[in-house]
Amino acid sequence: MKTVMIKLSLVENVNKFVNIVTRYPFEMDLRAGRHVVDAKSILGIFSLDLSRPIALEIYSDDCEALMEEIEPFIAPQE
């Protein structure tokens, strides 16, 4: 399992992000506080507070290609 913080501040970003993650066979969740939604669900993502970075939990250890594709959405480390 791999966890990375992402930022989806624009509606267009959510659509692009979902289009990318749906191409991968493994399960992924987005976690914002106590709320957890399927990372492949547009409606689920819009139920989260998108004003702050959210945790993407990827249930696979072989996710280098996915990490390259979602690199524009990865939140900078503070």
PDB file of N, CA and C in Angstrom:
ATOM      1  N   MET A   1       0.846  -1.183   0.000  1.00  0.00           N
ATOM      2  CA  MET A   1       0.000   0.000   0.000  1.00  0.00           C
ATOM      3  C   MET A   1       0.885   1.237   0.000  1.00  0.00           C
ATOM      4  N   LYS A   2       0.442   2.236  -0.734  1.00  0.00           N
ATOM      5  CA  LYS A   2       1.172   3.500  -0.809  1.00  0.00           C
ATOM      6  C   LYS A   2       0.187   4.635  -0.555  1.00  0.00           C
ATOM      7  N   THR A   3       0.615   5.643   0.189  1.00  0.00           N
ATOM      8  CA  THR A   3      -0.216   6.809   0.467  1.00  0.00           C
ATOM      9  C   THR A   3       0.513   8.055   0.011  1.00  0.00           C
ATOM     10  N   VAL A   4      -0.215   8.936  -0.687  1.00  0.00           N
ATOM     11  CA  VAL A   4       0.355  10.187  -1.166  1.00  0.00           C
ATOM     12  C   VAL A   4      -0.703  11.277  -1.007  1.00  0.00           C
ATOM     13  N   MET A   5      -0.270  12.480  -0.697  1.00  0.00           N
ATOM     14  CA  MET A   5      -1.195  13.609  -0.559  1.00  0.00           C
ATOM     15  C   MET A   5      -1.383  14.264  -1.928  1.00  0.00           C
ATOM     16  N   ILE A   6      -2.653  14.502  -2.280  1.00  0.00           N
ATOM     17  CA  ILE A   6      -2.952  15.137  -3.565  1.00  0.00           C
ATOM     18  C   ILE A   6      -3.828  16.359  -3.341  1.00  0.00           C
ATOM     19  N   LYS A   7      -3.852  17.228  -4.336  1.00  0.00           N
ATOM     20  CA  LYS A   7      -4.648  18.449  -4.297  1.00  0.00           C
ATOM     21  C   LYS A   7      -5.518  18.488  -5.553  1.00  0.00           C
ATOM     22  N   LEU A   8      -6.833  18.561  -5.359  1.00  0.00           N
ATOM     23  CA  LEU A   8      -7.791  18.618  -6.472  1.00  0.00           C
ATOM     24  C   LEU A   8      -8.656  19.858  -6.287  1.00  0.00           C
ATOM     25  N   SER A   9      -8.104  21.017  -6.609  1.00  0.00           N
ATOM     26  CA  SER A   9      -8.798  22.266  -6.309  1.00  0.00           C
ATOM     27  C   SER A   9      -9.779  22.714  -7.397  1.00  0.00           C
ATOM     28  N   LEU A  10      -9.655  22.208  -8.606  1.00  0.00           N
ATOM     29  CA  LEU A  10     -10.538  22.620  -9.700  1.00  0.00           C
ATOM     30  C   LEU A  10     -11.383  21.446 -10.183  1.00  0.00           C
ATOM     31  N   VAL A  11     -12.578  21.736 -10.694  1.00  0.00           N
ATOM     32  CA  VAL A  11     -13.460  20.691 -11.224  1.00  0.00           C
ATOM     33  C   VAL A  11     -12.769  19.932 -12.353  1.00  0.00           C
ATOM     34  N   GLU A  12     -12.047  20.631 -13.205  1.00  0.00           N
ATOM     35  CA  GLU A  12     -11.340  19.980 -14.306  1.00  0.00           C
ATOM     36  C   GLU A  12     -10.304  18.991 -13.780  1.00  0.00           C
ATOM     37  N   ASN A  13      -9.661  19.349 -12.659  1.00  0.00           N
ATOM     38  CA  ASN A  13      -8.669  18.455 -12.067  1.00  0.00           C
ATOM     39  C   ASN A  13      -9.315  17.163 -11.578  1.00  0.00           C
ATOM     40  N   VAL A  14     -10.506  17.254 -10.995  1.00  0.00           N
ATOM     41  CA  VAL A  14     -11.199  16.062 -10.514  1.00  0.00           C
ATOM     42  C   VAL A  14     -11.511  15.150 -11.698  1.00  0.00           C
ATOM     43  N   ASN A  15     -12.022  15.707 -12.786  1.00  0.00           N
ATOM     44  CA  ASN A  15     -12.337  14.898 -13.968  1.00  0.00           C
ATOM     45  C   ASN A  15     -11.092  14.229 -14.540  1.00  0.00           C
ATOM     46  N   LYS A  16      -9.995  14.969 -14.662  1.00  0.00           N
ATOM     47  CA  LYS A  16      -8.752  14.394 -15.181  1.00  0.00           C
ATOM     48  C   LYS A  16      -8.239  13.296 -14.259  1.00  0.00           C
ATOM     49  N   PHE A  17      -8.279  13.561 -12.953  1.00  0.00           N
ATOM     50  CA  PHE A  17      -7.802  12.591 -11.977  1.00  0.00           C
ATOM     51  C   PHE A  17      -8.600  11.288 -12.068  1.00  0.00           C
ATOM     52  N   VAL A  18      -9.923  11.371 -12.109  1.00  0.00           N
ATOM     53  CA  VAL A  18     -10.763  10.175 -12.180  1.00  0.00           C
ATOM     54  C   VAL A  18     -10.515   9.425 -13.486  1.00  0.00           C
ATOM     55  N   ASN A  19     -10.342  10.139 -14.582  1.00  0.00           N
ATOM     56  CA  ASN A  19     -10.042   9.477 -15.860  1.00  0.00           C
ATOM     57  C   ASN A  19      -8.732   8.696 -15.795  1.00  0.00           C
ATOM     58  N   ILE A  20      -7.772   9.200 -15.059  1.00  0.00           N
ATOM     59  CA  ILE A  20      -6.487   8.501 -14.922  1.00  0.00           C
ATOM     60  C   ILE A  20      -6.642   7.272 -14.032  1.00  0.00           C
ATOM     61  N   VAL A  21      -7.194   7.446 -12.828  1.00  0.00           N
ATOM     62  CA  VAL A  21      -7.207   6.331 -11.868  1.00  0.00           C
ATOM     63  C   VAL A  21      -8.126   5.193 -12.289  1.00  0.00           C
ATOM     64  N   THR A  22      -9.160   5.472 -13.092  1.00  0.00           N
ATOM     65  CA  THR A  22     -10.058   4.389 -13.515  1.00  0.00           C
ATOM     66  C   THR A  22      -9.385   3.428 -14.489  1.00  0.00           C
ATOM     67  N   ARG A  23      -8.272   3.820 -15.071  1.00  0.00           N
ATOM     68  CA  ARG A  23      -7.556   2.931 -15.991  1.00  0.00           C
ATOM     69  C   ARG A  23      -6.714   1.879 -15.268  1.00  0.00           C
ATOM     70  N   TYR A  24      -6.598   1.987 -13.959  1.00  0.00           N
ATOM     71  CA  TYR A  24      -5.769   1.051 -13.196  1.00  0.00           C
ATOM     72  C   TYR A  24      -6.653   0.063 -12.449  1.00  0.00           C
ATOM     73  N   PRO A  25      -6.243  -1.223 -12.408  1.00  0.00           N
ATOM     74  CA  PRO A  25      -7.110  -2.265 -11.837  1.00  0.00           C
ATOM     75  C   PRO A  25      -7.151  -2.316 -10.318  1.00  0.00           C
ATOM     76  N   PHE A  26      -6.209  -1.682  -9.648  1.00  0.00           N
ATOM     77  CA  PHE A  26      -6.185  -1.818  -8.204  1.00  0.00           C
ATOM     78  C   PHE A  26      -7.095  -0.802  -7.515  1.00  0.00           C
ATOM     79  N   GLU A  27      -7.444  -1.120  -6.260  1.00  0.00           N
ATOM     80  CA  GLU A  27      -8.331  -0.271  -5.472  1.00  0.00           C
ATOM     81  C   GLU A  27      -7.575   0.946  -4.969  1.00  0.00           C
ATOM     82  N   MET A  28      -8.313   2.082  -4.892  1.00  0.00           N
ATOM     83  CA  MET A  28      -7.755   3.324  -4.370  1.00  0.00           C
ATOM     84  C   MET A  28      -8.844   4.052  -3.598  1.00  0.00           C
ATOM     85  N   ASP A  29      -8.461   4.631  -2.472  1.00  0.00           N
ATOM     86  CA  ASP A  29      -9.380   5.422  -1.661  1.00  0.00           C
ATOM     87  C   ASP A  29      -8.814   6.810  -1.471  1.00  0.00           C
ATOM     88  N   LEU A  30      -9.718   7.769  -1.258  1.00  0.00           N
ATOM     89  CA  LEU A  30      -9.324   9.118  -0.858  1.00  0.00           C
ATOM     90  C   LEU A  30      -9.807   9.312   0.567  1.00  0.00           C
ATOM     91  N   ARG A  31      -8.923   9.808   1.429  1.00  0.00           N
ATOM     92  CA  ARG A  31      -9.251   9.997   2.835  1.00  0.00           C
ATOM     93  C   ARG A  31      -9.058  11.467   3.216  1.00  0.00           C
ATOM     94  N   ALA A  32     -10.121  12.066   3.740  1.00  0.00           N
ATOM     95  CA  ALA A  32     -10.065  13.431   4.257  1.00  0.00           C
ATOM     96  C   ALA A  32     -10.643  13.387   5.666  1.00  0.00           C
ATOM     97  N   GLY A  33      -9.766  13.379   6.649  1.00  0.00           N
ATOM     98  CA  GLY A  33     -10.214  13.233   8.030  1.00  0.00           C
ATOM     99  C   GLY A  33     -10.823  11.861   8.232  1.00  0.00           C
ATOM    100  N   ARG A  34     -12.082  11.824   8.707  1.00  0.00           N
ATOM    101  CA  ARG A  34     -12.772  10.548   8.932  1.00  0.00           C
ATOM    102  C   ARG A  34     -13.470  10.038   7.686  1.00  0.00           C
ATOM    103  N   HIS A  35     -13.555  10.859   6.656  1.00  0.00           N
ATOM    104  CA  HIS A  35     -14.301  10.501   5.452  1.00  0.00           C
ATOM    105  C   HIS A  35     -13.404   9.773   4.455  1.00  0.00           C
ATOM    106  N   VAL A  36     -13.896   8.628   3.973  1.00  0.00           N
ATOM    107  CA  VAL A  36     -13.165   7.829   2.990  1.00  0.00           C
ATOM    108  C   VAL A  36     -14.097   7.548   1.825  1.00  0.00           C
ATOM    109  N   VAL A  37     -13.626   7.826   0.601  1.00  0.00           N
ATOM    110  CA  VAL A  37     -14.425   7.557  -0.599  1.00  0.00           C
ATOM    111  C   VAL A  37     -13.569   6.822  -1.619  1.00  0.00           C
ATOM    112  N   ASP A  38     -14.225   6.160  -2.546  1.00  0.00           N
ATOM    113  CA  ASP A  38     -13.559   5.491  -3.656  1.00  0.00           C
ATOM    114  C   ASP A  38     -12.920   6.564  -4.541  1.00  0.00           C
ATOM    115  N   ALA A  39     -11.633   6.437  -4.815  1.00  0.00           N
ATOM    116  CA  ALA A  39     -10.922   7.431  -5.626  1.00  0.00           C
ATOM    117  C   ALA A  39     -11.397   7.444  -7.071  1.00  0.00           C
ATOM    118  N   LYS A  40     -12.164   6.431  -7.481  1.00  0.00           N
ATOM    119  CA  LYS A  40     -12.659   6.367  -8.858  1.00  0.00           C
ATOM    120  C   LYS A  40     -14.072   6.923  -8.983  1.00  0.00           C
ATOM    121  N   SER A  41     -14.604   7.508  -7.907  1.00  0.00           N
ATOM    122  CA  SER A  41     -15.965   8.024  -7.883  1.00  0.00           C
ATOM    123  C   SER A  41     -15.974   9.555  -7.896  1.00  0.00           C
ATOM    124  N   ILE A  42     -16.449  10.125  -8.989  1.00  0.00           N
ATOM    125  CA  ILE A  42     -16.519  11.588  -9.083  1.00  0.00           C
ATOM    126  C   ILE A  42     -17.429  12.150  -7.996  1.00  0.00           C
ATOM    127  N   LEU A  43     -18.592  11.549  -7.803  1.00  0.00           N
ATOM    128  CA  LEU A  43     -19.511  12.037  -6.774  1.00  0.00           C
ATOM    129  C   LEU A  43     -18.894  11.915  -5.386  1.00  0.00           C
ATOM    130  N   GLY A  44     -18.198  10.815  -5.136  1.00  0.00           N
ATOM    131  CA  GLY A  44     -17.539  10.653  -3.845  1.00  0.00           C
ATOM    132  C   GLY A  44     -16.501  11.733  -3.602  1.00  0.00           C
ATOM    133  N   ILE A  45     -15.712  12.034  -4.608  1.00  0.00           N
ATOM    134  CA  ILE A  45     -14.680  13.066  -4.469  1.00  0.00           C
ATOM    135  C   ILE A  45     -15.301  14.419  -4.171  1.00  0.00           C
ATOM    136  N   PHE A  46     -16.403  14.740  -4.836  1.00  0.00           N
ATOM    137  CA  PHE A  46     -17.038  16.037  -4.596  1.00  0.00           C
ATOM    138  C   PHE A  46     -17.689  16.134  -3.224  1.00  0.00           C
ATOM    139  N   SER A  47     -17.832  15.015  -2.515  1.00  0.00           N
ATOM    140  CA  SER A  47     -18.370  15.059  -1.159  1.00  0.00           C
ATOM    141  C   SER A  47     -17.289  15.421  -0.134  1.00  0.00           C
ATOM    142  N   LEU A  48     -16.031  15.464  -0.574  1.00  0.00           N
ATOM    143  CA  LEU A  48     -14.922  15.798   0.319  1.00  0.00           C
ATOM    144  C   LEU A  48     -14.617  17.292   0.287  1.00  0.00           C
ATOM    145  N   ASP A  49     -13.905  17.756   1.300  1.00  0.00           N
ATOM    146  CA  ASP A  49     -13.433  19.142   1.338  1.00  0.00           C
ATOM    147  C   ASP A  49     -12.197  19.229   0.450  1.00  0.00           C
ATOM    148  N   LEU A  50     -12.361  19.816  -0.727  1.00  0.00           N
ATOM    149  CA  LEU A  50     -11.264  19.876  -1.700  1.00  0.00           C
ATOM    150  C   LEU A  50     -10.390  21.110  -1.541  1.00  0.00           C
ATOM    151  N   SER A  51     -10.651  21.908  -0.505  1.00  0.00           N
ATOM    152  CA  SER A  51      -9.835  23.104  -0.295  1.00  0.00           C
ATOM    153  C   SER A  51      -8.484  22.768   0.325  1.00  0.00           C
ATOM    154  N   ARG A  52      -8.349  21.536   0.837  1.00  0.00           N
ATOM    155  CA  ARG A  52      -7.093  21.093   1.440  1.00  0.00           C
ATOM    156  C   ARG A  52      -6.618  19.811   0.754  1.00  0.00           C
ATOM    157  N   PRO A  53      -5.331  19.510   0.871  1.00  0.00           N
ATOM    158  CA  PRO A  53      -4.848  18.241   0.303  1.00  0.00           C
ATOM    159  C   PRO A  53      -5.532  17.049   0.964  1.00  0.00           C
ATOM    160  N   ILE A  54      -5.739  15.990   0.188  1.00  0.00           N
ATOM    161  CA  ILE A  54      -6.358  14.773   0.695  1.00  0.00           C
ATOM    162  C   ILE A  54      -5.434  13.593   0.423  1.00  0.00           C
ATOM    163  N   ALA A  55      -5.561  12.570   1.249  1.00  0.00           N
ATOM    164  CA  ALA A  55      -4.686  11.405   1.140  1.00  0.00           C
ATOM    165  C   ALA A  55      -5.248  10.411   0.133  1.00  0.00           C
ATOM    166  N   LEU A  56      -4.425  10.035  -0.828  1.00  0.00           N
ATOM    167  CA  LEU A  56      -4.765   8.980  -1.774  1.00  0.00           C
ATOM    168  C   LEU A  56      -4.084   7.713  -1.293  1.00  0.00           C
ATOM    169  N   GLU A  57      -4.890   6.688  -0.992  1.00  0.00           N
ATOM    170  CA  GLU A  57      -4.365   5.402  -0.550  1.00  0.00           C
ATOM    171  C   GLU A  57      -4.476   4.415  -1.707  1.00  0.00           C
ATOM    172  N   ILE A  58      -3.336   3.926  -2.158  1.00  0.00           N
ATOM    173  CA  ILE A  58      -3.272   3.016  -3.297  1.00  0.00           C
ATOM    174  C   ILE A  58      -2.965   1.626  -2.754  1.00  0.00           C
ATOM    175  N   TYR A  59      -3.853   0.672  -3.028  1.00  0.00           N
ATOM    176  CA  TYR A  59      -3.699  -0.681  -2.494  1.00  0.00           C
ATOM    177  C   TYR A  59      -2.935  -1.571  -3.480  1.00  0.00           C
ATOM    178  N   SER A  60      -1.725  -1.129  -3.797  1.00  0.00           N
ATOM    179  CA  SER A  60      -0.833  -1.873  -4.673  1.00  0.00           C
ATOM    180  C   SER A  60       0.582  -1.368  -4.439  1.00  0.00           C
ATOM    181  N   ASP A  61       1.541  -2.248  -4.561  1.00  0.00           N
ATOM    182  CA  ASP A  61       2.937  -1.837  -4.448  1.00  0.00           C
ATOM    183  C   ASP A  61       3.549  -1.563  -5.813  1.00  0.00           C
ATOM    184  N   ASP A  62       2.861  -1.959  -6.876  1.00  0.00           N
ATOM    185  CA  ASP A  62       3.347  -1.791  -8.239  1.00  0.00           C
ATOM    186  C   ASP A  62       2.567  -0.657  -8.908  1.00  0.00           C
ATOM    187  N   CYS A  63       2.848   0.587  -8.479  1.00  0.00           N
ATOM    188  CA  CYS A  63       2.034   1.718  -8.964  1.00  0.00           C
ATOM    189  C   CYS A  63       2.897   2.859  -9.507  1.00  0.00           C
ATOM    190  N   GLU A  64       4.081   2.548 -10.019  1.00  0.00           N
ATOM    191  CA  GLU A  64       4.960   3.596 -10.539  1.00  0.00           C
ATOM    192  C   GLU A  64       4.341   4.349 -11.711  1.00  0.00           C
ATOM    193  N   ALA A  65       3.677   3.623 -12.626  1.00  0.00           N
ATOM    194  CA  ALA A  65       3.055   4.273 -13.786  1.00  0.00           C
ATOM    195  C   ALA A  65       1.951   5.225 -13.338  1.00  0.00           C
ATOM    196  N   LEU A  66       1.159   4.805 -12.373  1.00  0.00           N
ATOM    197  CA  LEU A  66       0.106   5.676 -11.835  1.00  0.00           C
ATOM    198  C   LEU A  66       0.720   6.910 -11.197  1.00  0.00           C
ATOM    199  N   MET A  67       1.769   6.737 -10.417  1.00  0.00           N
ATOM    200  CA  MET A  67       2.406   7.878  -9.744  1.00  0.00           C
ATOM    201  C   MET A  67       2.928   8.898 -10.754  1.00  0.00           C
ATOM    202  N   GLU A  68       3.450   8.418 -11.871  1.00  0.00           N
ATOM    203  CA  GLU A  68       3.915   9.341 -12.911  1.00  0.00           C
ATOM    204  C   GLU A  68       2.751  10.124 -13.500  1.00  0.00           C
ATOM    205  N   GLU A  69       1.622   9.451 -13.732  1.00  0.00           N
ATOM    206  CA  GLU A  69       0.473  10.120 -14.342  1.00  0.00           C
ATOM    207  C   GLU A  69      -0.199  11.133 -13.413  1.00  0.00           C
ATOM    208  N   ILE A  70      -0.220  10.837 -12.118  1.00  0.00           N
ATOM    209  CA  ILE A  70      -0.895  11.763 -11.183  1.00  0.00           C
ATOM    210  C   ILE A  70       0.056  12.793 -10.595  1.00  0.00           C
ATOM    211  N   GLU A  71       1.293  12.821 -11.063  1.00  0.00           N
ATOM    212  CA  GLU A  71       2.290  13.758 -10.524  1.00  0.00           C
ATOM    213  C   GLU A  71       1.801  15.215 -10.484  1.00  0.00           C
ATOM    214  N   PRO A  72       1.046  15.703 -11.493  1.00  0.00           N
ATOM    215  CA  PRO A  72       0.562  17.106 -11.409  1.00  0.00           C
ATOM    216  C   PRO A  72      -0.388  17.352 -10.237  1.00  0.00           C
ATOM    217  N   PHE A  73      -0.988  16.308  -9.693  1.00  0.00           N
ATOM    218  CA  PHE A  73      -1.955  16.466  -8.597  1.00  0.00           C
ATOM    219  C   PHE A  73      -1.324  16.277  -7.225  1.00  0.00           C
ATOM    220  N   ILE A  74      -0.089  15.825  -7.169  1.00  0.00           N
ATOM    221  CA  ILE A  74       0.553  15.576  -5.882  1.00  0.00           C
ATOM    222  C   ILE A  74       0.844  16.907  -5.199  1.00  0.00           C
ATOM    223  N   ALA A  75       0.404  16.983  -3.930  1.00  0.00           N
ATOM    224  CA  ALA A  75       0.579  18.218  -3.156  1.00  0.00           C
ATOM    225  C   ALA A  75       2.035  18.354  -2.746  1.00  0.00           C
ATOM    226  N   PRO A  76       2.570  19.575  -2.781  1.00  0.00           N
ATOM    227  CA  PRO A  76       3.953  19.772  -2.342  1.00  0.00           C
ATOM    228  C   PRO A  76       4.081  19.494  -0.852  1.00  0.00           C
ATOM    229  N   GLN A  77       5.221  18.938  -0.468  1.00  0.00           N
ATOM    230  CA  GLN A  77       5.490  18.659   0.943  1.00  0.00           C
ATOM    231  C   GLN A  77       5.758  19.967   1.681  1.00  0.00           C
ATOM    232  N   GLU A  78       5.176  20.059   2.877  1.00  0.00           N
ATOM    233  CA  GLU A  78       5.381  21.295   3.661  1.00  0.00           C
ATOM    234  C   GLU A  78       6.386  21.075   4.754  1.00  0.00           C
TER     235      GLU A  78
END
